[in-house]
Each structure stands twice: as C-alpha cells, then as structure tokens.
N, C-alpha and C. Protein backbone atom coordinates (compact mmCIF):
# COMPACT_ATOMS: atom_id res chain seq x y z
N MET A 1 -11.44 -3.00 9.16
CA MET A 1 -10.28 -2.57 8.29
C MET A 1 -9.78 -3.17 7.39
N ALA A 2 -9.65 -2.68 6.01
CA ALA A 2 -9.32 -3.29 4.83
C ALA A 2 -7.69 -3.80 5.07
N LYS A 3 -7.65 -4.95 4.16
CA LYS A 3 -6.35 -5.28 4.32
C LYS A 3 -5.28 -4.53 3.52
N ASN A 4 -4.06 -4.25 4.00
CA ASN A 4 -3.07 -3.34 3.35
C ASN A 4 -2.54 -4.56 2.08
N LEU A 5 -2.74 -4.41 0.86
CA LEU A 5 -2.27 -5.08 -0.03
C LEU A 5 -0.34 -4.99 -0.37
N LEU A 6 0.25 -3.63 0.26
CA LEU A 6 1.51 -4.13 0.08
C LEU A 6 2.38 -4.79 1.42
N LYS A 7 3.47 -5.20 0.57
CA LYS A 7 4.25 -5.99 2.00
C LYS A 7 5.19 -5.38 2.36
N ASN A 8 5.29 -5.57 3.47
CA ASN A 8 6.78 -4.74 4.42
C ASN A 8 6.55 -3.17 3.95
N PRO A 9 5.31 -2.76 4.44
CA PRO A 9 5.31 -0.93 4.44
C PRO A 9 6.02 -0.08 5.14
N ASN A 10 6.40 -0.89 6.21
CA ASN A 10 7.41 0.33 7.18
C ASN A 10 8.82 -0.15 7.38
N GLY A 11 9.15 -1.21 6.48
CA GLY A 11 10.81 -1.59 6.75
C GLY A 11 11.08 -2.35 7.86
N GLU A 12 10.12 -3.19 8.03
CA GLU A 12 10.26 -4.10 9.13
C GLU A 12 11.42 -5.53 8.77
N GLU A 13 10.85 -5.57 7.39
CA GLU A 13 11.82 -6.50 7.10
C GLU A 13 12.81 -6.20 5.94
N GLU A 14 13.42 -5.07 6.27
CA GLU A 14 14.60 -4.20 5.52
C GLU A 14 14.11 -3.92 4.17
N LEU A 15 14.60 -4.39 3.22
CA LEU A 15 13.87 -3.73 1.77
C LEU A 15 13.18 -4.81 1.15
N GLU A 16 12.69 -6.23 1.88
CA GLU A 16 12.28 -7.21 1.03
C GLU A 16 11.03 -6.93 0.44
N PHE A 17 10.75 -7.38 -0.64
CA PHE A 17 9.36 -7.45 -1.10
C PHE A 17 9.60 -6.12 -2.16
N TRP A 18 10.33 -5.13 -2.10
CA TRP A 18 10.68 -3.90 -3.04
C TRP A 18 11.43 -4.15 -4.15
N GLU A 19 10.98 -3.55 -5.25
CA GLU A 19 11.83 -3.70 -6.40
C GLU A 19 12.51 -2.02 -6.31
N LEU A 20 13.90 -2.20 -6.16
CA LEU A 20 14.64 -0.56 -6.11
C LEU A 20 15.08 -0.31 -7.70
N THR A 21 13.68 0.66 -8.11
CA THR A 21 13.71 0.95 -9.46
C THR A 21 14.98 1.85 -9.99
N GLU A 22 15.23 3.04 -8.68
CA GLU A 22 16.38 3.58 -8.71
C GLU A 22 17.16 3.71 -7.19
N ASN A 23 18.52 3.44 -7.08
CA ASN A 23 19.03 3.51 -6.01
C ASN A 23 20.26 4.11 -6.02
N GLY A 24 20.17 5.52 -6.09
CA GLY A 24 21.20 6.32 -6.31
C GLY A 24 21.87 7.02 -4.88
N GLY A 25 22.97 7.42 -5.14
CA GLY A 25 23.86 7.91 -4.04
C GLY A 25 24.15 7.03 -3.09
N SER A 26 23.94 6.81 -1.84
CA SER A 26 24.10 5.99 -0.86
C SER A 26 23.51 4.85 -0.80
N ALA A 27 22.33 4.74 -1.66
CA ALA A 27 21.31 3.97 -1.65
C ALA A 27 20.38 3.96 -0.86
N TRP A 28 18.99 3.02 -0.88
CA TRP A 28 18.02 3.06 0.04
C TRP A 28 18.59 2.53 1.24
N LYS A 29 17.95 3.02 2.53
CA LYS A 29 18.11 2.32 3.72
C LYS A 29 17.04 2.24 4.75
N VAL A 30 17.17 1.46 5.70
CA VAL A 30 16.06 1.41 6.54
C VAL A 30 16.44 2.06 7.97
N GLU A 31 15.87 2.39 8.42
CA GLU A 31 16.30 3.24 9.91
C GLU A 31 15.47 3.41 10.94
N GLU A 32 15.80 3.48 12.33
CA GLU A 32 14.70 3.28 13.24
C GLU A 32 14.00 4.62 13.47
N LEU A 33 12.89 5.28 13.84
CA LEU A 33 11.95 6.27 14.27
C LEU A 33 12.76 6.74 15.60
N PRO A 34 12.75 7.79 15.63
CA PRO A 34 12.74 9.02 14.98
C PRO A 34 14.03 9.33 13.91
N GLY A 35 14.99 8.38 14.10
CA GLY A 35 16.14 8.91 13.27
C GLY A 35 16.81 10.32 13.88
N ASP A 36 18.36 10.19 13.10
CA ASP A 36 18.95 11.42 13.19
C ASP A 36 18.26 12.60 12.98
N CYS A 37 18.26 13.51 13.53
CA CYS A 37 17.32 15.06 13.01
C CYS A 37 15.84 14.75 12.84
N GLY A 38 15.19 13.68 13.26
CA GLY A 38 13.95 13.42 12.73
C GLY A 38 12.79 13.87 13.55
N TYR A 39 11.66 13.55 13.25
CA TYR A 39 10.31 13.57 13.62
C TYR A 39 9.82 12.57 14.25
N GLU A 40 9.16 12.69 15.50
CA GLU A 40 8.25 11.33 16.08
C GLU A 40 7.10 11.35 15.15
N PHE A 41 6.55 10.14 14.82
CA PHE A 41 5.52 9.73 13.79
C PHE A 41 4.15 9.47 14.51
N GLY A 42 4.09 9.31 15.78
CA GLY A 42 2.67 9.29 16.24
C GLY A 42 1.89 8.16 16.25
N ASN A 43 2.81 6.87 15.84
CA ASN A 43 2.03 5.80 16.11
C ASN A 43 2.82 4.90 16.50
N GLU A 44 2.86 4.18 17.80
CA GLU A 44 3.93 3.51 18.14
C GLU A 44 4.42 2.43 17.90
N GLU A 45 3.27 1.68 17.31
CA GLU A 45 3.42 0.39 16.45
C GLU A 45 4.26 0.56 15.10
N VAL A 46 4.34 1.73 14.63
CA VAL A 46 5.51 1.89 13.42
C VAL A 46 6.94 2.53 14.23
N THR A 47 7.69 1.36 14.06
CA THR A 47 9.09 1.70 14.57
C THR A 47 10.33 2.06 13.54
N LYS A 48 10.02 1.99 12.23
CA LYS A 48 10.93 1.94 11.11
C LYS A 48 10.61 2.79 9.92
N TYR A 49 11.60 3.19 9.29
CA TYR A 49 10.81 3.87 7.96
C TYR A 49 12.07 3.55 6.95
N PHE A 50 11.91 4.21 5.79
CA PHE A 50 12.98 3.70 4.34
C PHE A 50 13.32 5.10 4.00
N VAL A 51 14.52 5.67 3.82
CA VAL A 51 15.29 6.70 3.64
C VAL A 51 16.10 6.46 2.51
N THR A 52 16.17 7.69 1.64
CA THR A 52 16.43 7.92 0.29
C THR A 52 17.98 8.52 0.74
N SER A 53 18.70 8.89 -0.32
CA SER A 53 20.05 9.51 -0.35
C SER A 53 20.19 10.74 -1.43
N PHE A 54 21.37 11.12 -1.58
CA PHE A 54 21.67 12.42 -2.47
C PHE A 54 21.49 12.16 -3.68
N GLU A 55 20.81 10.97 -4.52
CA GLU A 55 20.34 10.79 -5.70
C GLU A 55 19.38 10.20 -5.78
N LEU A 56 18.33 10.27 -6.59
CA LEU A 56 17.11 9.69 -6.71
C LEU A 56 16.87 8.35 -6.55
N CYS A 57 16.20 7.96 -5.34
CA CYS A 57 15.93 6.71 -4.94
C CYS A 57 14.61 6.54 -5.18
N LEU A 58 13.98 5.24 -5.93
CA LEU A 58 12.87 5.02 -6.01
C LEU A 58 12.59 3.56 -5.75
N LYS A 59 11.68 3.06 -5.07
CA LYS A 59 11.61 1.65 -4.84
C LYS A 59 9.55 1.45 -5.40
N LYS A 60 9.76 0.24 -5.55
CA LYS A 60 8.13 -0.10 -6.29
C LYS A 60 7.80 -1.79 -6.13
N GLN A 61 6.56 -1.71 -5.74
CA GLN A 61 6.00 -2.81 -5.61
C GLN A 61 4.52 -3.15 -6.44
N GLU A 62 4.65 -4.09 -7.23
CA GLU A 62 3.58 -4.69 -8.28
C GLU A 62 2.83 -5.46 -7.03
N ILE A 63 1.03 -5.44 -7.47
CA ILE A 63 0.18 -6.16 -6.75
C ILE A 63 -0.69 -6.95 -7.74
N ASP A 64 -0.26 -8.21 -7.83
CA ASP A 64 -1.42 -8.94 -8.52
C ASP A 64 -2.59 -9.37 -8.05
N LEU A 65 -3.97 -8.46 -8.11
CA LEU A 65 -4.96 -8.78 -7.78
C LEU A 65 -5.40 -10.26 -7.54
N LEU A 66 -5.49 -10.73 -8.72
CA LEU A 66 -5.95 -12.23 -8.83
C LEU A 66 -5.25 -12.98 -7.89
N ALA A 67 -4.21 -13.06 -7.86
CA ALA A 67 -3.27 -13.64 -6.87
C ALA A 67 -3.39 -13.36 -5.37
N ASP A 68 -3.93 -12.54 -5.21
CA ASP A 68 -4.35 -11.60 -3.74
C ASP A 68 -5.78 -12.32 -3.49
N GLY A 69 -6.35 -12.94 -4.33
CA GLY A 69 -7.73 -13.82 -4.16
C GLY A 69 -8.82 -12.57 -4.36
N TYR A 70 -8.63 -11.52 -5.18
CA TYR A 70 -9.92 -11.05 -6.10
C TYR A 70 -10.17 -11.69 -6.98
N THR A 71 -11.75 -11.74 -7.34
CA THR A 71 -11.76 -11.99 -8.39
C THR A 71 -12.08 -11.27 -9.70
N PRO A 72 -12.38 -12.02 -10.86
CA PRO A 72 -12.54 -10.77 -12.03
C PRO A 72 -13.72 -10.13 -11.78
N GLU A 73 -14.73 -10.41 -11.39
CA GLU A 73 -16.10 -10.09 -11.19
C GLU A 73 -16.22 -8.99 -9.96
N MET A 74 -15.17 -9.39 -9.10
CA MET A 74 -15.15 -8.29 -7.84
C MET A 74 -14.22 -7.10 -8.51
N LEU A 75 -13.42 -7.37 -8.92
CA LEU A 75 -12.42 -6.29 -9.56
C LEU A 75 -13.26 -5.29 -10.33
N ASP A 76 -14.08 -6.23 -11.48
CA ASP A 76 -14.91 -5.46 -12.62
C ASP A 76 -15.75 -4.78 -12.02
N SER A 77 -16.22 -4.79 -10.81
CA SER A 77 -17.28 -3.53 -9.92
C SER A 77 -17.00 -2.81 -9.49
N GLN A 78 -15.32 -2.27 -9.98
CA GLN A 78 -14.86 -1.13 -9.72
C GLN A 78 -14.89 -0.51 -8.17
N PRO A 79 -14.21 -1.48 -6.84
CA PRO A 79 -14.22 -1.36 -5.70
C PRO A 79 -13.33 0.09 -5.45
N ASN A 80 -13.55 1.11 -4.75
CA ASN A 80 -12.67 2.08 -4.53
C ASN A 80 -11.32 1.55 -4.23
N ILE A 81 -10.38 1.97 -4.68
CA ILE A 81 -9.08 2.02 -4.09
C ILE A 81 -8.30 2.87 -4.02
N THR A 82 -7.80 2.88 -2.37
CA THR A 82 -7.28 3.66 -1.64
C THR A 82 -5.79 3.83 -1.45
N VAL A 83 -5.36 4.52 -1.69
CA VAL A 83 -3.62 4.50 -1.41
C VAL A 83 -3.20 5.42 -0.59
N GLU A 84 -2.52 5.30 0.23
CA GLU A 84 -1.89 6.09 1.32
C GLU A 84 -0.17 5.89 1.74
N ASP A 85 0.16 7.08 1.91
CA ASP A 85 1.61 6.99 2.17
C ASP A 85 2.22 7.87 3.03
N TRP A 86 3.03 7.91 4.09
CA TRP A 86 3.25 9.03 4.83
C TRP A 86 5.10 9.48 4.68
N TYR A 87 5.31 10.46 4.26
CA TYR A 87 6.70 11.04 4.12
C TYR A 87 7.19 12.02 5.26
N CYS A 88 8.55 12.32 4.94
CA CYS A 88 8.96 13.71 5.97
C CYS A 88 10.23 13.80 5.73
N GLY A 89 11.08 14.80 5.88
CA GLY A 89 12.48 15.25 5.94
C GLY A 89 13.08 15.20 7.38
N ARG A 90 14.16 15.86 7.37
CA ARG A 90 14.84 15.98 8.72
C ARG A 90 14.91 17.34 8.79
N THR A 91 15.31 17.71 10.24
CA THR A 91 15.28 19.11 10.73
C THR A 91 16.52 19.76 9.54
N ASP A 92 17.41 19.16 9.42
CA ASP A 92 18.61 19.96 8.78
C ASP A 92 18.82 20.02 7.45
N CYS A 93 18.03 19.36 6.64
CA CYS A 93 18.32 18.77 5.31
C CYS A 93 16.91 18.78 4.32
N GLY A 94 16.90 19.74 3.75
CA GLY A 94 15.51 19.54 2.56
C GLY A 94 15.45 18.19 1.74
N CYS A 95 14.26 17.77 1.17
CA CYS A 95 14.29 16.74 0.17
C CYS A 95 13.00 16.69 -0.51
N THR A 96 12.94 16.05 -1.35
CA THR A 96 11.95 15.84 -2.15
C THR A 96 11.26 14.55 -2.37
N TYR A 97 10.09 14.52 -2.36
CA TYR A 97 9.27 13.50 -2.53
C TYR A 97 8.34 13.09 -3.64
N GLU A 98 8.36 11.83 -4.08
CA GLU A 98 7.09 11.52 -5.23
C GLU A 98 6.82 10.44 -5.20
N ILE A 99 5.60 10.25 -5.79
CA ILE A 99 4.75 8.85 -5.92
C ILE A 99 4.08 8.76 -7.03
N THR A 100 3.96 7.79 -7.38
CA THR A 100 2.85 7.15 -8.72
C THR A 100 2.59 5.78 -8.59
N VAL A 101 1.38 5.82 -8.69
CA VAL A 101 0.65 4.46 -8.48
C VAL A 101 -0.13 4.44 -9.48
N CYS A 102 -0.31 3.34 -10.14
CA CYS A 102 -1.25 2.94 -11.49
C CYS A 102 -2.01 1.92 -11.42
N LEU A 103 -3.16 1.78 -11.95
CA LEU A 103 -4.02 0.75 -12.28
C LEU A 103 -3.76 -0.03 -13.24
N LEU A 104 -3.43 -1.03 -13.52
CA LEU A 104 -3.18 -1.80 -14.86
C LEU A 104 -4.01 -2.99 -14.95
N ASN A 105 -4.25 -3.15 -16.43
CA ASN A 105 -5.10 -4.41 -16.76
C ASN A 105 -4.12 -5.43 -16.97
N GLU A 106 -4.91 -6.75 -17.54
CA GLU A 106 -4.16 -7.83 -17.66
C GLU A 106 -2.64 -7.68 -18.25
N ASN A 107 -2.86 -6.68 -19.28
CA ASN A 107 -1.82 -6.84 -20.03
C ASN A 107 -0.60 -5.73 -19.67
N GLN A 108 -0.81 -5.05 -18.34
CA GLN A 108 0.01 -4.22 -17.78
C GLN A 108 -0.09 -2.93 -18.22
N GLU A 109 -1.10 -2.57 -19.05
CA GLU A 109 -1.24 -1.21 -19.65
C GLU A 109 -2.20 -0.41 -18.51
N VAL A 110 -1.73 1.15 -18.39
CA VAL A 110 -2.08 2.12 -17.52
C VAL A 110 -3.77 2.12 -17.94
N LEU A 111 -4.55 1.60 -16.68
CA LEU A 111 -6.04 2.18 -16.74
C LEU A 111 -6.28 3.61 -16.43
N GLN A 112 -5.59 4.15 -14.96
CA GLN A 112 -5.39 5.08 -14.41
C GLN A 112 -4.40 5.30 -13.72
N GLU A 113 -3.70 6.67 -13.15
CA GLU A 113 -2.82 6.81 -12.95
C GLU A 113 -3.03 8.17 -11.73
N PHE A 114 -2.11 7.71 -10.52
CA PHE A 114 -2.02 8.75 -9.93
C PHE A 114 -0.60 9.40 -9.49
N LYS A 115 -0.42 10.64 -9.91
CA LYS A 115 0.94 11.11 -10.22
C LYS A 115 1.14 12.33 -9.71
N PRO A 116 0.89 12.68 -8.61
CA PRO A 116 1.11 14.36 -7.93
C PRO A 116 2.42 14.67 -8.47
N ASP A 117 2.61 16.23 -8.33
CA ASP A 117 3.69 16.90 -8.81
C ASP A 117 4.64 16.45 -7.35
N PRO A 118 6.14 16.45 -7.39
CA PRO A 118 6.80 15.86 -6.30
C PRO A 118 6.75 17.40 -5.52
N VAL A 119 7.03 16.80 -4.64
CA VAL A 119 6.80 17.86 -3.15
C VAL A 119 8.09 18.05 -2.75
N THR A 120 8.80 19.13 -2.10
CA THR A 120 9.74 19.75 -1.77
C THR A 120 9.65 19.97 -0.44
N LEU A 121 10.38 19.33 0.58
CA LEU A 121 10.37 19.87 2.00
C LEU A 121 11.33 20.42 2.50
N ASP A 122 11.44 21.60 3.00
CA ASP A 122 12.39 22.57 3.18
C ASP A 122 12.30 22.83 5.00
N PRO A 123 13.54 22.53 5.85
CA PRO A 123 13.13 22.73 6.98
C PRO A 123 13.19 24.23 7.59
N ASP A 124 13.54 25.16 6.95
CA ASP A 124 13.49 26.28 7.17
C ASP A 124 11.99 27.07 6.98
N MET A 125 11.30 26.40 6.26
CA MET A 125 9.83 26.88 6.15
C MET A 125 9.18 26.38 7.27
N ALA A 126 8.29 27.47 7.33
CA ALA A 126 7.25 27.10 8.54
C ALA A 126 6.46 25.86 8.83
N ASP A 127 5.79 25.29 7.70
CA ASP A 127 5.37 24.07 7.89
C ASP A 127 6.51 22.64 7.86
N GLY A 128 7.80 23.28 7.93
CA GLY A 128 9.09 22.42 8.14
C GLY A 128 8.76 21.07 7.08
N CYS A 129 9.28 19.85 7.86
CA CYS A 129 9.60 18.72 7.22
C CYS A 129 8.90 17.71 7.99
N SER A 130 8.18 17.92 9.09
CA SER A 130 7.38 17.11 9.72
C SER A 130 6.64 15.80 8.74
N TRP A 131 6.21 14.74 9.54
CA TRP A 131 5.12 13.53 8.57
C TRP A 131 4.26 14.21 8.11
N ARG A 132 3.88 13.74 7.00
CA ARG A 132 2.81 14.46 6.05
C ARG A 132 2.12 13.08 5.60
N GLN A 133 0.91 12.81 5.06
CA GLN A 133 0.24 11.97 4.85
C GLN A 133 -0.31 12.36 3.26
N VAL A 134 -0.18 11.51 2.03
CA VAL A 134 -0.54 11.85 1.02
C VAL A 134 -1.50 10.46 0.87
N SER A 135 -2.94 10.81 0.34
CA SER A 135 -4.20 9.79 0.10
C SER A 135 -4.66 10.01 -1.30
N HIS A 136 -4.95 9.19 -1.83
CA HIS A 136 -5.97 8.92 -2.99
C HIS A 136 -6.62 7.77 -2.98
N THR A 137 -8.13 8.29 -3.79
CA THR A 137 -8.90 7.03 -3.71
C THR A 137 -9.33 7.01 -5.26
N PHE A 138 -8.79 6.11 -5.96
CA PHE A 138 -9.44 5.29 -7.28
C PHE A 138 -10.78 5.17 -7.09
N SER A 139 -11.49 6.03 -8.09
CA SER A 139 -13.00 5.26 -8.11
C SER A 139 -13.51 5.26 -9.74
N GLU A 140 -14.58 4.52 -10.21
CA GLU A 140 -15.21 4.91 -11.57
C GLU A 140 -13.90 4.59 -12.69
N TYR A 141 -13.12 3.82 -12.64
CA TYR A 141 -11.91 3.52 -13.39
C TYR A 141 -12.12 2.73 -14.50
N GLY A 142 -13.23 2.13 -14.47
CA GLY A 142 -13.63 1.13 -15.50
C GLY A 142 -13.39 -0.16 -15.10
N PRO A 143 -13.55 -1.04 -15.79
CA PRO A 143 -13.52 -2.69 -15.68
C PRO A 143 -11.88 -3.13 -15.88
N GLY A 144 -11.34 -4.17 -15.58
CA GLY A 144 -10.55 -4.63 -16.04
C GLY A 144 -9.09 -4.45 -15.29
N VAL A 145 -9.12 -3.99 -14.23
CA VAL A 145 -7.75 -3.85 -13.26
C VAL A 145 -7.57 -5.04 -12.91
N ARG A 146 -6.36 -5.45 -12.84
CA ARG A 146 -5.76 -6.65 -12.55
C ARG A 146 -4.40 -6.60 -11.82
N PHE A 147 -3.67 -5.61 -11.97
CA PHE A 147 -2.28 -5.32 -11.09
C PHE A 147 -2.42 -3.71 -10.46
N ILE A 148 -1.77 -3.47 -9.71
CA ILE A 148 -1.31 -2.11 -9.25
C ILE A 148 -0.14 -1.85 -8.95
N SER A 149 0.23 -0.86 -9.46
CA SER A 149 1.95 -0.74 -9.09
C SER A 149 1.87 0.65 -8.26
N PHE A 150 2.62 0.49 -7.58
CA PHE A 150 2.78 1.62 -6.37
C PHE A 150 4.34 2.05 -6.33
N GLU A 151 4.77 2.83 -6.52
CA GLU A 151 6.28 3.62 -6.77
C GLU A 151 6.37 4.69 -6.01
N HIS A 152 7.47 5.29 -5.13
CA HIS A 152 7.44 6.35 -4.54
C HIS A 152 9.08 6.44 -3.94
N GLY A 153 9.59 7.35 -4.00
CA GLY A 153 10.89 7.96 -3.18
C GLY A 153 11.28 9.40 -3.25
N GLY A 154 12.42 9.73 -3.57
CA GLY A 154 12.65 10.80 -3.77
C GLY A 154 14.26 11.05 -3.15
N GLN A 155 14.85 12.19 -2.83
CA GLN A 155 16.15 12.56 -2.62
C GLN A 155 16.26 13.56 -1.55
N ASP A 156 17.35 13.85 -1.21
CA ASP A 156 17.57 15.39 -0.76
C ASP A 156 17.98 16.53 -1.50
N THR A 157 17.91 17.64 -0.94
CA THR A 157 18.12 18.73 -1.89
C THR A 157 19.68 19.25 -1.74
N LYS A 158 20.04 18.73 -0.78
CA LYS A 158 21.93 19.39 -0.50
C LYS A 158 22.66 18.48 -0.94
N PHE A 159 22.55 17.33 -1.39
CA PHE A 159 23.66 16.32 -2.20
C PHE A 159 24.60 15.90 -1.18
N TRP A 160 23.90 15.84 0.24
CA TRP A 160 25.04 15.16 1.31
C TRP A 160 25.06 13.69 1.05
N ASP A 161 26.42 13.28 1.23
CA ASP A 161 26.52 11.85 1.15
C ASP A 161 25.99 11.43 2.38
N GLY A 162 25.44 10.18 2.49
CA GLY A 162 24.49 9.22 3.30
C GLY A 162 22.98 9.53 2.94
N TRP A 163 22.29 9.57 4.13
CA TRP A 163 21.12 9.35 4.03
C TRP A 163 20.32 10.49 4.71
N PHE A 164 20.10 11.75 4.08
CA PHE A 164 19.61 12.73 4.52
C PHE A 164 17.86 13.13 3.60
N GLY A 165 17.90 11.94 2.60
CA GLY A 165 16.45 12.41 1.94
C GLY A 165 15.38 12.26 2.47
N VAL A 166 14.29 12.05 1.63
CA VAL A 166 13.02 11.87 2.22
C VAL A 166 13.20 10.60 2.87
N ARG A 167 12.25 10.61 3.60
CA ARG A 167 11.90 9.26 4.67
C ARG A 167 10.59 8.93 4.38
N VAL A 168 9.99 7.46 4.28
CA VAL A 168 8.73 7.01 3.95
C VAL A 168 8.30 5.88 4.68
N THR A 169 7.24 5.71 5.46
CA THR A 169 6.63 4.57 5.92
C THR A 169 5.21 4.65 5.84
N CYS A 170 4.73 3.82 6.32
CA CYS A 170 3.06 3.28 6.62
C CYS A 170 2.05 3.61 4.91
N SER A 171 3.21 2.88 4.25
CA SER A 171 2.53 3.08 2.91
C SER A 171 1.17 1.80 2.81
N SER A 172 0.05 2.13 2.16
CA SER A 172 -0.66 1.09 1.79
C SER A 172 -2.07 1.44 0.67
N VAL A 173 -2.16 -0.02 0.08
CA VAL A 173 -2.98 -0.03 -1.05
C VAL A 173 -4.07 -0.80 -0.46
N THR A 174 -5.00 -0.24 -0.13
CA THR A 174 -6.35 -1.07 0.21
C THR A 174 -7.77 -1.05 -1.25
N LEU A 175 -8.57 -2.18 -1.05
CA LEU A 175 -9.49 -2.21 -1.76
C LEU A 175 -10.86 -2.23 -0.72
N ALA A 176 -11.98 -1.46 -1.33
CA ALA A 176 -13.20 -1.62 -0.62
C ALA A 176 -14.06 -2.50 -0.90
N VAL A 177 -13.97 -3.94 -0.81
CA VAL A 177 -15.04 -4.89 -1.28
C VAL A 177 -15.38 -5.35 -0.33
C-alpha cells in the first residue's frame, strides 16, 4: 500500500500538522467517533475525526515532495497521484463540505487542480449525512510537480453555535511510484 503523505489524517494528534486557513464559528475541533448524532465509520482503526462549526472552517497541508524523498526524475515521470477524503454530517443538522487539491511546481504555481463543487448534506434527504468518500487521481499533469496543497472543510447549514458542521477523517494523498 502506498504511503500517505498527509500527516495526522484522522485527528489522533489533535490539529498538529494542519494550517487552519479558516477557523470560523467555534473553530475546528477533534472528536471521538461516532460523536453526538453521528454515524459509525466502518473502520475500527479510525477513532477520531475533525469537525467544523457554524462559519467556514478550512484546514490545509502542503506536501514538499522532494523533502519526502522523491527525486525530480521520479516526479517528472508523472506518477499517478491519488487524493481521498471521507466526510459526513450529523443526523440533526445539515452541512457543507469542500475540498481543493493543487499540484504545484517549484515556484508554488498551480499545474493542476481538483476542486469539485461544494457538497451540501441534508439529514432529511434519503441519502442523509452518512460517511462518503471523495477520490480523485491526477495523471498526465506534465513534469515539474514539487508540492501538493491539500485543503478541505466546510460548515453547518443552520448556524448553530458549537460543532454541528461537516466531519472529515481518513484523508490521504498517495503517489504510485
């Protein structure tokens, strides 16, 4: 299995290694699964998740691929880069989720971006707010990738004080080399 380049993907180390780019409302928090009005995750090894609040919360990690041991030659061969993230809401409050992942060159310029439209989860809808996975594989992006920027988060849709927004865990960025 490929090595996950993200550090602390499940909140086991609280918010360590994450840059809080937006920290609105009651701010980011780490909680134990399944949490209040939450859903079981389905992987017993994952015991925590990050949760957002009533104003936008985004957190980011930037991965330095050369510092992680990849050579320019390896990277310029354009190995597939796979991004995965898991998100869910609560049974009593809707939320929004968003993710942006950018492949960057040595000057931090964007070579390719994955930024799907934000997702709104509504507990009253048939598919509800249970855990969902988003996945994307970058391929044929050209030579020059040296950094990867991974940012995700969201907020609740009812503007309730506390931590009623989207929950995220099991984030990963892997290279197929």
